PDB file of N, CA and C in Angstrom:
ATOM      1  N   MET A   1      -2.376   0.138  -2.018  1.00  0.00           N
ATOM      2  CA  MET A   1      -1.473   0.840  -1.128  1.00  0.00           C
ATOM      3  C   MET A   1      -0.408  -0.155  -0.677  1.00  0.00           C
ATOM      4  N   PRO A   2       0.723  -0.170  -1.263  1.00  0.00           N
ATOM      5  CA  PRO A   2       1.736  -1.166  -0.952  1.00  0.00           C
ATOM      6  C   PRO A   2       2.223  -1.162   0.484  1.00  0.00           C
ATOM      7  N   GLY A   3       2.559  -2.368   0.914  1.00  0.00           N
ATOM      8  CA  GLY A   3       3.320  -2.611   2.126  1.00  0.00           C
ATOM      9  C   GLY A   3       2.753  -2.235   3.472  1.00  0.00           C
ATOM     10  N   PRO A   4       2.786  -3.182   4.423  1.00  0.00           N
ATOM     11  CA  PRO A   4       2.431  -2.857   5.801  1.00  0.00           C
ATOM     12  C   PRO A   4       3.596  -2.194   6.513  1.00  0.00           C
ATOM     13  N   PRO A   5       3.334  -1.389   7.539  1.00  0.00           N
ATOM     14  CA  PRO A   5       4.447  -0.802   8.284  1.00  0.00           C
ATOM     15  C   PRO A   5       5.310  -1.881   8.915  1.00  0.00           C
ATOM     16  N   ARG A   6       6.565  -1.632   9.021  1.00  0.00           N
ATOM     17  CA  ARG A   6       7.493  -2.590   9.620  1.00  0.00           C
ATOM     18  C   ARG A   6       7.295  -2.658  11.125  1.00  0.00           C
ATOM     19  N   THR A   7       7.409  -3.864  11.672  1.00  0.00           N
ATOM     20  CA  THR A   7       7.238  -4.018  13.111  1.00  0.00           C
ATOM     21  C   THR A   7       8.544  -3.836  13.863  1.00  0.00           C
ATOM     22  N   SER A   8       9.678  -3.825  13.161  1.00  0.00           N
ATOM     23  CA  SER A   8      10.963  -3.655  13.842  1.00  0.00           C
ATOM     24  C   SER A   8      11.103  -2.263  14.451  1.00  0.00           C
ATOM     25  N   ALA A   9      10.469  -1.280  13.859  1.00  0.00           N
ATOM     26  CA  ALA A   9      10.469   0.085  14.386  1.00  0.00           C
ATOM     27  C   ALA A   9       9.033   0.598  14.274  1.00  0.00           C
ATOM     28  N   PRO A  10       8.140   0.153  15.171  1.00  0.00           N
ATOM     29  CA  PRO A  10       6.722   0.486  15.020  1.00  0.00           C
ATOM     30  C   PRO A  10       6.454   1.988  14.973  1.00  0.00           C
ATOM     31  N   ILE A  11       5.648   2.370  14.016  1.00  0.00           N
ATOM     32  CA  ILE A  11       5.192   3.750  13.879  1.00  0.00           C
ATOM     33  C   ILE A  11       3.691   3.694  13.596  1.00  0.00           C
ATOM     34  N   PRO A  12       2.976   4.756  13.871  1.00  0.00           N
ATOM     35  CA  PRO A  12       1.545   4.747  13.548  1.00  0.00           C
ATOM     36  C   PRO A  12       1.335   4.595  12.044  1.00  0.00           C
ATOM     37  N   SER A  13       0.318   3.855  11.686  1.00  0.00           N
ATOM     38  CA  SER A  13       0.000   3.650  10.282  1.00  0.00           C
ATOM     39  C   SER A  13      -0.528   4.933   9.650  1.00  0.00           C
ATOM     40  N   TRP A  14      -0.118   5.193   8.420  1.00  0.00           N
ATOM     41  CA  TRP A  14      -0.611   6.334   7.670  1.00  0.00           C
ATOM     42  C   TRP A  14      -1.883   5.977   6.903  1.00  0.00           C
ATOM     43  N   ARG A  15      -2.222   4.697   6.838  1.00  0.00           N
ATOM     44  CA  ARG A  15      -3.323   4.259   5.985  1.00  0.00           C
ATOM     45  C   ARG A  15      -4.714   4.703   6.436  1.00  0.00           C
ATOM     46  N   PRO A  16      -5.047   4.681   7.735  1.00  0.00           N
ATOM     47  CA  PRO A  16      -6.401   5.142   8.100  1.00  0.00           C
ATOM     48  C   PRO A  16      -6.677   6.577   7.647  1.00  0.00           C
ATOM     49  N   GLU A  17      -5.709   7.451   7.794  1.00  0.00           N
ATOM     50  CA  GLU A  17      -5.895   8.837   7.349  1.00  0.00           C
ATOM     51  C   GLU A  17      -5.991   8.910   5.822  1.00  0.00           C
ATOM     52  N   ALA A  18      -5.177   8.127   5.129  1.00  0.00           N
ATOM     53  CA  ALA A  18      -5.231   8.111   3.665  1.00  0.00           C
ATOM     54  C   ALA A  18      -6.577   7.574   3.184  1.00  0.00           C
ATOM     55  N   LEU A  19      -7.079   6.528   3.810  1.00  0.00           N
ATOM     56  CA  LEU A  19      -8.372   5.971   3.431  1.00  0.00           C
ATOM     57  C   LEU A  19      -9.497   6.979   3.670  1.00  0.00           C
ATOM     58  N   ARG A  20      -9.438   7.677   4.796  1.00  0.00           N
ATOM     59  CA  ARG A  20     -10.436   8.703   5.089  1.00  0.00           C
ATOM     60  C   ARG A  20     -10.411   9.789   4.008  1.00  0.00           C
ATOM     61  N   ALA A  21      -9.220  10.261   3.670  1.00  0.00           N
ATOM     62  CA  ALA A  21      -9.096  11.317   2.655  1.00  0.00           C
ATOM     63  C   ALA A  21      -9.572  10.834   1.287  1.00  0.00           C
ATOM     64  N   LEU A  22      -9.220   9.621   0.910  1.00  0.00           N
ATOM     65  CA  LEU A  22      -9.670   9.081  -0.374  1.00  0.00           C
ATOM     66  C   LEU A  22     -11.194   8.969  -0.419  1.00  0.00           C
ATOM     67  N   THR A  23     -11.769   8.473   0.658  1.00  0.00           N
ATOM     68  CA  THR A  23     -13.223   8.302   0.724  1.00  0.00           C
ATOM     69  C   THR A  23     -13.939   9.637   0.625  1.00  0.00           C
ATOM     70  N   GLU A  24     -13.440  10.631   1.338  1.00  0.00           N
ATOM     71  CA  GLU A  24     -14.071  11.951   1.317  1.00  0.00           C
ATOM     72  C   GLU A  24     -13.994  12.613  -0.051  1.00  0.00           C
ATOM     73  N   GLN A  25     -12.929  12.362  -0.794  1.00  0.00           N
ATOM     74  CA  GLN A  25     -12.714  13.055  -2.060  1.00  0.00           C
ATOM     75  C   GLN A  25     -13.142  12.256  -3.287  1.00  0.00           C
ATOM     76  N   TRP A  26     -13.605  11.017  -3.091  1.00  0.00           N
ATOM     77  CA  TRP A  26     -13.956  10.165  -4.219  1.00  0.00           C
ATOM     78  C   TRP A  26     -15.163  10.724  -4.951  1.00  0.00           C
ATOM     79  N   LEU A  27     -15.017  10.969  -6.255  1.00  0.00           N
ATOM     80  CA  LEU A  27     -16.086  11.498  -7.088  1.00  0.00           C
ATOM     81  C   LEU A  27     -16.434  10.557  -8.238  1.00  0.00           C
ATOM     82  N   GLY A  28     -15.881   9.368  -8.215  1.00  0.00           N
ATOM     83  CA  GLY A  28     -16.111   8.423  -9.299  1.00  0.00           C
ATOM     84  C   GLY A  28     -17.544   7.933  -9.369  1.00  0.00           C
ATOM     85  N   ARG A  29     -17.926   7.453 -10.535  1.00  0.00           N
ATOM     86  CA  ARG A  29     -19.280   6.913 -10.723  1.00  0.00           C
ATOM     87  C   ARG A  29     -19.431   5.552 -10.052  1.00  0.00           C
ATOM     88  N   ARG A  30     -18.368   4.799 -10.035  1.00  0.00           N
ATOM     89  CA  ARG A  30     -18.397   3.477  -9.407  1.00  0.00           C
ATOM     90  C   ARG A  30     -17.978   3.587  -7.947  1.00  0.00           C
ATOM     91  N   PRO A  31     -18.373   2.607  -7.135  1.00  0.00           N
ATOM     92  CA  PRO A  31     -17.930   2.609  -5.743  1.00  0.00           C
ATOM     93  C   PRO A  31     -16.403   2.494  -5.663  1.00  0.00           C
ATOM     94  N   LEU A  32     -15.836   3.123  -4.669  1.00  0.00           N
ATOM     95  CA  LEU A  32     -14.394   3.049  -4.442  1.00  0.00           C
ATOM     96  C   LEU A  32     -14.093   1.815  -3.602  1.00  0.00           C
ATOM     97  N   THR A  33     -13.171   1.003  -4.068  1.00  0.00           N
ATOM     98  CA  THR A  33     -12.699  -0.151  -3.316  1.00  0.00           C
ATOM     99  C   THR A  33     -11.211   0.015  -3.107  1.00  0.00           C
ATOM    100  N   VAL A  34     -10.769  -0.056  -1.862  1.00  0.00           N
ATOM    101  CA  VAL A  34      -9.351   0.088  -1.539  1.00  0.00           C
ATOM    102  C   VAL A  34      -8.846  -1.236  -0.999  1.00  0.00           C
ATOM    103  N   LEU A  35      -7.806  -1.756  -1.625  1.00  0.00           N
ATOM    104  CA  LEU A  35      -7.157  -2.976  -1.156  1.00  0.00           C
ATOM    105  C   LEU A  35      -5.912  -2.564  -0.390  1.00  0.00           C
ATOM    106  N   SER A  36      -5.898  -2.832   0.890  1.00  0.00           N
ATOM    107  CA  SER A  36      -4.771  -2.443   1.729  1.00  0.00           C
ATOM    108  C   SER A  36      -4.100  -3.688   2.288  1.00  0.00           C
ATOM    109  N   PRO A  37      -2.776  -3.760   2.204  1.00  0.00           N
ATOM    110  CA  PRO A  37      -2.067  -4.933   2.718  1.00  0.00           C
ATOM    111  C   PRO A  37      -1.963  -4.953   4.240  1.00  0.00           C
ATOM    112  N   GLU A  38      -2.461  -3.931   4.884  1.00  0.00           N
ATOM    113  CA  GLU A  38      -2.357  -3.841   6.340  1.00  0.00           C
ATOM    114  C   GLU A  38      -3.550  -4.527   6.994  1.00  0.00           C
ATOM    115  N   SER A  39      -3.281  -5.378   7.963  1.00  0.00           N
ATOM    116  CA  SER A  39      -4.342  -6.095   8.668  1.00  0.00           C
ATOM    117  C   SER A  39      -5.225  -5.136   9.445  1.00  0.00           C
ATOM    118  N   ARG A  40      -6.500  -5.402   9.460  1.00  0.00           N
ATOM    119  CA  ARG A  40      -7.429  -4.602  10.253  1.00  0.00           C
ATOM    120  C   ARG A  40      -7.194  -4.794  11.749  1.00  0.00           C
ATOM    121  N   HIS A  41      -6.624  -5.915  12.106  1.00  0.00           N
ATOM    122  CA  HIS A  41      -6.453  -6.244  13.525  1.00  0.00           C
ATOM    123  C   HIS A  41      -4.990  -6.327  13.947  1.00  0.00           C
ATOM    124  N   GLY A  42      -4.091  -5.851  13.111  1.00  0.00           N
ATOM    125  CA  GLY A  42      -2.676  -5.836  13.456  1.00  0.00           C
ATOM    126  C   GLY A  42      -1.986  -7.181  13.380  1.00  0.00           C
ATOM    127  N   GLU A  43      -2.622  -8.176  12.765  1.00  0.00           N
ATOM    128  CA  GLU A  43      -2.017  -9.499  12.649  1.00  0.00           C
ATOM    129  C   GLU A  43      -1.280  -9.604  11.327  1.00  0.00           C
ATOM    130  N   ARG A  44      -0.046 -10.060  11.390  1.00  0.00           N
ATOM    131  CA  ARG A  44       0.762 -10.219  10.183  1.00  0.00           C
ATOM    132  C   ARG A  44       0.395 -11.530   9.483  1.00  0.00           C
ATOM    133  N   ALA A  45       0.729 -11.635   8.216  1.00  0.00           N
ATOM    134  CA  ALA A  45       0.518 -12.880   7.467  1.00  0.00           C
ATOM    135  C   ALA A  45       1.317 -13.998   8.125  1.00  0.00           C
ATOM    136  N   ASP A  46       0.848 -15.225   7.955  1.00  0.00           N
ATOM    137  CA  ASP A  46       1.527 -16.362   8.577  1.00  0.00           C
ATOM    138  C   ASP A  46       2.929 -16.571   8.010  1.00  0.00           C
ATOM    139  N   ARG A  47       3.119 -16.229   6.743  1.00  0.00           N
ATOM    140  CA  ARG A  47       4.429 -16.353   6.100  1.00  0.00           C
ATOM    141  C   ARG A  47       4.652 -15.123   5.223  1.00  0.00           C
ATOM    142  N   TYR A  48       5.889 -14.739   5.066  1.00  0.00           N
ATOM    143  CA  TYR A  48       6.230 -13.593   4.220  1.00  0.00           C
ATOM    144  C   TYR A  48       5.707 -13.805   2.807  1.00  0.00           C
ATOM    145  N   GLU A  49       5.834 -15.022   2.292  1.00  0.00           N
ATOM    146  CA  GLU A  49       5.387 -15.328   0.936  1.00  0.00           C
ATOM    147  C   GLU A  49       3.887 -15.120   0.779  1.00  0.00           C
ATOM    148  N   THR A  50       3.122 -15.399   1.835  1.00  0.00           N
ATOM    149  CA  THR A  50       1.672 -15.186   1.801  1.00  0.00           C
ATOM    150  C   THR A  50       1.371 -13.711   1.602  1.00  0.00           C
ATOM    151  N   GLN A  51       2.091 -12.862   2.332  1.00  0.00           N
ATOM    152  CA  GLN A  51       1.906 -11.414   2.205  1.00  0.00           C
ATOM    153  C   GLN A  51       2.286 -10.939   0.807  1.00  0.00           C
ATOM    154  N   VAL A  52       3.429 -11.383   0.318  1.00  0.00           N
ATOM    155  CA  VAL A  52       3.890 -10.976  -1.013  1.00  0.00           C
ATOM    156  C   VAL A  52       2.908 -11.427  -2.082  1.00  0.00           C
ATOM    157  N   ASP A  53       2.414 -12.655  -1.982  1.00  0.00           N
ATOM    158  CA  ASP A  53       1.451 -13.157  -2.968  1.00  0.00           C
ATOM    159  C   ASP A  53       0.171 -12.326  -2.955  1.00  0.00           C
ATOM    160  N   TRP A  54      -0.325 -11.994  -1.756  1.00  0.00           N
ATOM    161  CA  TRP A  54      -1.551 -11.191  -1.656  1.00  0.00           C
ATOM    162  C   TRP A  54      -1.321  -9.825  -2.295  1.00  0.00           C
ATOM    163  N   GLU A  55      -0.203  -9.176  -1.976  1.00  0.00           N
ATOM    164  CA  GLU A  55       0.083  -7.854  -2.528  1.00  0.00           C
ATOM    165  C   GLU A  55       0.231  -7.898  -4.046  1.00  0.00           C
ATOM    166  N   THR A  56       0.897  -8.919  -4.558  1.00  0.00           N
ATOM    167  CA  THR A  56       1.082  -9.061  -6.004  1.00  0.00           C
ATOM    168  C   THR A  56      -0.255  -9.238  -6.705  1.00  0.00           C
ATOM    169  N   ASP A  57      -1.113 -10.102  -6.159  1.00  0.00           N
ATOM    170  CA  ASP A  57      -2.433 -10.327  -6.745  1.00  0.00           C
ATOM    171  C   ASP A  57      -3.293  -9.062  -6.665  1.00  0.00           C
ATOM    172  N   ALA A  58      -3.239  -8.356  -5.541  1.00  0.00           N
ATOM    173  CA  ALA A  58      -4.040  -7.135  -5.370  1.00  0.00           C
ATOM    174  C   ALA A  58      -3.598  -6.052  -6.352  1.00  0.00           C
ATOM    175  N   ARG A  59      -2.292  -5.888  -6.515  1.00  0.00           N
ATOM    176  CA  ARG A  59      -1.801  -4.887  -7.469  1.00  0.00           C
ATOM    177  C   ARG A  59      -2.200  -5.249  -8.895  1.00  0.00           C
ATOM    178  N   ALA A  60      -2.172  -6.536  -9.226  1.00  0.00           N
ATOM    179  CA  ALA A  60      -2.545  -6.976 -10.573  1.00  0.00           C
ATOM    180  C   ALA A  60      -4.026  -6.722 -10.846  1.00  0.00           C
ATOM    181  N   ALA A  61      -4.871  -6.818  -9.825  1.00  0.00           N
ATOM    182  CA  ALA A  61      -6.315  -6.630  -9.983  1.00  0.00           C
ATOM    183  C   ALA A  61      -6.727  -5.165  -9.954  1.00  0.00           C
ATOM    184  N   ALA A  62      -5.876  -4.306  -9.457  1.00  0.00           N
ATOM    185  CA  ALA A  62      -6.228  -2.896  -9.255  1.00  0.00           C
ATOM    186  C   ALA A  62      -6.267  -2.122 -10.572  1.00  0.00           C
ATOM    187  N   THR A  63      -7.178  -1.152 -10.624  1.00  0.00           N
ATOM    188  CA  THR A  63      -7.200  -0.239 -11.765  1.00  0.00           C
ATOM    189  C   THR A  63      -6.302   0.968 -11.518  1.00  0.00           C
ATOM    190  N   ALA A  64      -5.964   1.213 -10.247  1.00  0.00           N
ATOM    191  CA  ALA A  64      -5.021   2.274  -9.875  1.00  0.00           C
ATOM    192  C   ALA A  64      -4.301   1.827  -8.611  1.00  0.00           C
ATOM    193  N   VAL A  65      -3.053   2.237  -8.477  1.00  0.00           N
ATOM    194  CA  VAL A  65      -2.253   1.902  -7.303  1.00  0.00           C
ATOM    195  C   VAL A  65      -1.711   3.208  -6.733  1.00  0.00           C
ATOM    196  N   LEU A  66      -2.030   3.465  -5.471  1.00  0.00           N
ATOM    197  CA  LEU A  66      -1.534   4.656  -4.789  1.00  0.00           C
ATOM    198  C   LEU A  66      -0.248   4.296  -4.068  1.00  0.00           C
ATOM    199  N   LEU A  67       0.771   5.082  -4.266  1.00  0.00           N
ATOM    200  CA  LEU A  67       2.079   4.842  -3.674  1.00  0.00           C
ATOM    201  C   LEU A  67       2.503   6.073  -2.895  1.00  0.00           C
ATOM    202  N   TRP A  68       2.861   5.875  -1.655  1.00  0.00           N
ATOM    203  CA  TRP A  68       3.399   6.957  -0.827  1.00  0.00           C
ATOM    204  C   TRP A  68       4.624   6.414  -0.120  1.00  0.00           C
ATOM    205  N   ILE A  69       5.733   7.108  -0.244  1.00  0.00           N
ATOM    206  CA  ILE A  69       6.970   6.667   0.408  1.00  0.00           C
ATOM    207  C   ILE A  69       7.404   7.746   1.378  1.00  0.00           C
ATOM    208  N   HIS A  70       7.377   7.410   2.633  1.00  0.00           N
ATOM    209  CA  HIS A  70       7.738   8.338   3.706  1.00  0.00           C
ATOM    210  C   HIS A  70       9.230   8.671   3.671  1.00  0.00           C
ATOM    211  N   ARG A  71      10.030   7.718   3.341  1.00  0.00           N
ATOM    212  CA  ARG A  71      11.482   7.837   3.198  1.00  0.00           C
ATOM    213  C   ARG A  71      12.210   8.266   4.465  1.00  0.00           C
ATOM    214  N   ASP A  72      11.792   7.756   5.582  1.00  0.00           N
ATOM    215  CA  ASP A  72      12.598   7.874   6.792  1.00  0.00           C
ATOM    216  C   ASP A  72      13.307   6.533   6.919  1.00  0.00           C
ATOM    217  N   LEU A  73      14.582   6.491   6.597  1.00  0.00           N
ATOM    218  CA  LEU A  73      15.306   5.225   6.540  1.00  0.00           C
ATOM    219  C   LEU A  73      15.364   4.489   7.875  1.00  0.00           C
ATOM    220  N   ARG A  74      15.113   5.183   8.979  1.00  0.00           N
ATOM    221  CA  ARG A  74      15.096   4.509  10.287  1.00  0.00           C
ATOM    222  C   ARG A  74      13.774   3.789  10.546  1.00  0.00           C
ATOM    223  N   THR A  75      12.665   4.419  10.183  1.00  0.00           N
ATOM    224  CA  THR A  75      11.367   3.882  10.573  1.00  0.00           C
ATOM    225  C   THR A  75      10.528   3.326   9.434  1.00  0.00           C
ATOM    226  N   LEU A  76      10.701   3.835   8.225  1.00  0.00           N
ATOM    227  CA  LEU A  76       9.887   3.393   7.099  1.00  0.00           C
ATOM    228  C   LEU A  76      10.655   3.587   5.796  1.00  0.00           C
ATOM    229  N   PRO A  77      11.629   2.710   5.539  1.00  0.00           N
ATOM    230  CA  PRO A  77      12.506   2.919   4.388  1.00  0.00           C
ATOM    231  C   PRO A  77      11.845   2.694   3.032  1.00  0.00           C
ATOM    232  N   GLY A  78      10.799   1.905   2.957  1.00  0.00           N
ATOM    233  CA  GLY A  78      10.103   1.707   1.687  1.00  0.00           C
ATOM    234  C   GLY A  78      10.898   0.951   0.641  1.00  0.00           C
ATOM    235  N   MET A  79      11.827   0.110   1.054  1.00  0.00           N
ATOM    236  CA  MET A  79      12.671  -0.591   0.078  1.00  0.00           C
ATOM    237  C   MET A  79      11.871  -1.580  -0.775  1.00  0.00           C
ATOM    238  N   THR A  80      10.939  -2.321  -0.183  1.00  0.00           N
ATOM    239  CA  THR A  80      10.145  -3.238  -1.002  1.00  0.00           C
ATOM    240  C   THR A  80       9.198  -2.473  -1.908  1.00  0.00           C
ATOM    241  N   THR A  81       8.799  -1.276  -1.508  1.00  0.00           N
ATOM    242  CA  THR A  81       7.959  -0.442  -2.369  1.00  0.00           C
ATOM    243  C   THR A  81       8.712  -0.077  -3.637  1.00  0.00           C
ATOM    244  N   ASN A  82      10.017   0.128  -3.534  1.00  0.00           N
ATOM    245  CA  ASN A  82      10.827   0.391  -4.727  1.00  0.00           C
ATOM    246  C   ASN A  82      10.717  -0.762  -5.711  1.00  0.00           C
ATOM    247  N   VAL A  83      10.775  -1.983  -5.206  1.00  0.00           N
ATOM    248  CA  VAL A  83      10.678  -3.172  -6.065  1.00  0.00           C
ATOM    249  C   VAL A  83       9.292  -3.247  -6.700  1.00  0.00           C
ATOM    250  N   GLU A  84       8.247  -3.050  -5.888  1.00  0.00           N
ATOM    251  CA  GLU A  84       6.887  -3.105  -6.412  1.00  0.00           C
ATOM    252  C   GLU A  84       6.676  -2.051  -7.496  1.00  0.00           C
ATOM    253  N   PHE A  85       7.153  -0.850  -7.254  1.00  0.00           N
ATOM    254  CA  PHE A  85       7.047   0.200  -8.259  1.00  0.00           C
ATOM    255  C   PHE A  85       7.758  -0.216  -9.538  1.00  0.00           C
ATOM    256  N   GLY A  86       8.958  -0.763  -9.408  1.00  0.00           N
ATOM    257  CA  GLY A  86       9.716  -1.201 -10.572  1.00  0.00           C
ATOM    258  C   GLY A  86       8.997  -2.282 -11.365  1.00  0.00           C
ATOM    259  N   LEU A  87       8.332  -3.199 -10.663  1.00  0.00           N
ATOM    260  CA  LEU A  87       7.598  -4.265 -11.343  1.00  0.00           C
ATOM    261  C   LEU A  87       6.376  -3.734 -12.098  1.00  0.00           C
ATOM    262  N   ASP A  88       5.751  -2.698 -11.565  1.00  0.00           N
ATOM    263  CA  ASP A  88       4.478  -2.245 -12.106  1.00  0.00           C
ATOM    264  C   ASP A  88       4.508  -0.895 -12.812  1.00  0.00           C
ATOM    265  N   VAL A  89       5.647  -0.212 -12.839  1.00  0.00           N
ATOM    266  CA  VAL A  89       5.683   1.145 -13.377  1.00  0.00           C
ATOM    267  C   VAL A  89       5.203   1.210 -14.829  1.00  0.00           C
ATOM    268  N   SER A  90       5.447   0.195 -15.598  1.00  0.00           N
ATOM    269  CA  SER A  90       5.054   0.240 -17.012  1.00  0.00           C
ATOM    270  C   SER A  90       3.551   0.051 -17.225  1.00  0.00           C
ATOM    271  N   THR A  91       2.792  -0.276 -16.160  1.00  0.00           N
ATOM    272  CA  THR A  91       1.346  -0.472 -16.312  1.00  0.00           C
ATOM    273  C   THR A  91       0.606   0.857 -16.434  1.00  0.00           C
ATOM    274  N   GLY A  92       1.198   1.950 -15.963  1.00  0.00           N
ATOM    275  CA  GLY A  92       0.544   3.243 -15.998  1.00  0.00           C
ATOM    276  C   GLY A  92      -0.561   3.420 -14.974  1.00  0.00           C
ATOM    277  N   ARG A  93      -0.646   2.518 -14.005  1.00  0.00           N
ATOM    278  CA  ARG A  93      -1.708   2.595 -13.003  1.00  0.00           C
ATOM    279  C   ARG A  93      -1.243   3.212 -11.691  1.00  0.00           C
ATOM    280  N   TRP A  94      -0.045   3.754 -11.651  1.00  0.00           N
ATOM    281  CA  TRP A  94       0.519   4.275 -10.401  1.00  0.00           C
ATOM    282  C   TRP A  94       0.189   5.747 -10.196  1.00  0.00           C
ATOM    283  N   CYS A  95      -0.116   6.085  -8.972  1.00  0.00           N
ATOM    284  CA  CYS A  95      -0.237   7.466  -8.513  1.00  0.00           C
ATOM    285  C   CYS A  95       0.647   7.540  -7.268  1.00  0.00           C
ATOM    286  N   TRP A  96       1.322   8.632  -7.048  1.00  0.00           N
ATOM    287  CA  TRP A  96       2.123   8.696  -5.836  1.00  0.00           C
ATOM    288  C   TRP A  96       2.163  10.076  -5.266  1.00  0.00           C
ATOM    289  N   ALA A  97       2.448  10.116  -3.978  1.00  0.00           N
ATOM    290  CA  ALA A  97       2.630  11.377  -3.255  1.00  0.00           C
ATOM    291  C   ALA A  97       3.911  11.244  -2.473  1.00  0.00           C
ATOM    292  N   ALA A  98       4.662  12.303  -2.392  1.00  0.00           N
ATOM    293  CA  ALA A  98       5.917  12.261  -1.657  1.00  0.00           C
ATOM    294  C   ALA A  98       5.794  13.014  -0.353  1.00  0.00           C
TER     295      ALA A  98
END
């Protein structure tokens, strides 16, 4: 699930609800593991590069990547998500909801 919410215009995270829905609907034979770039305790990475490296490594390790873009340019523009999608679109591991 790419990208943490921006702190410049704080909005409630959509990830807890998405994780709940994914968990409830998971029918796979293997356990579901979700890698989320959002801190459990609201603490940001010490450096931007640390966050980017973690997200890049997590996407590379994932068998599927869920992408949701809210597209409210004031509160959640999703611009870095565009870049991540562009880097990984050819892998065929993307799922998205609009």
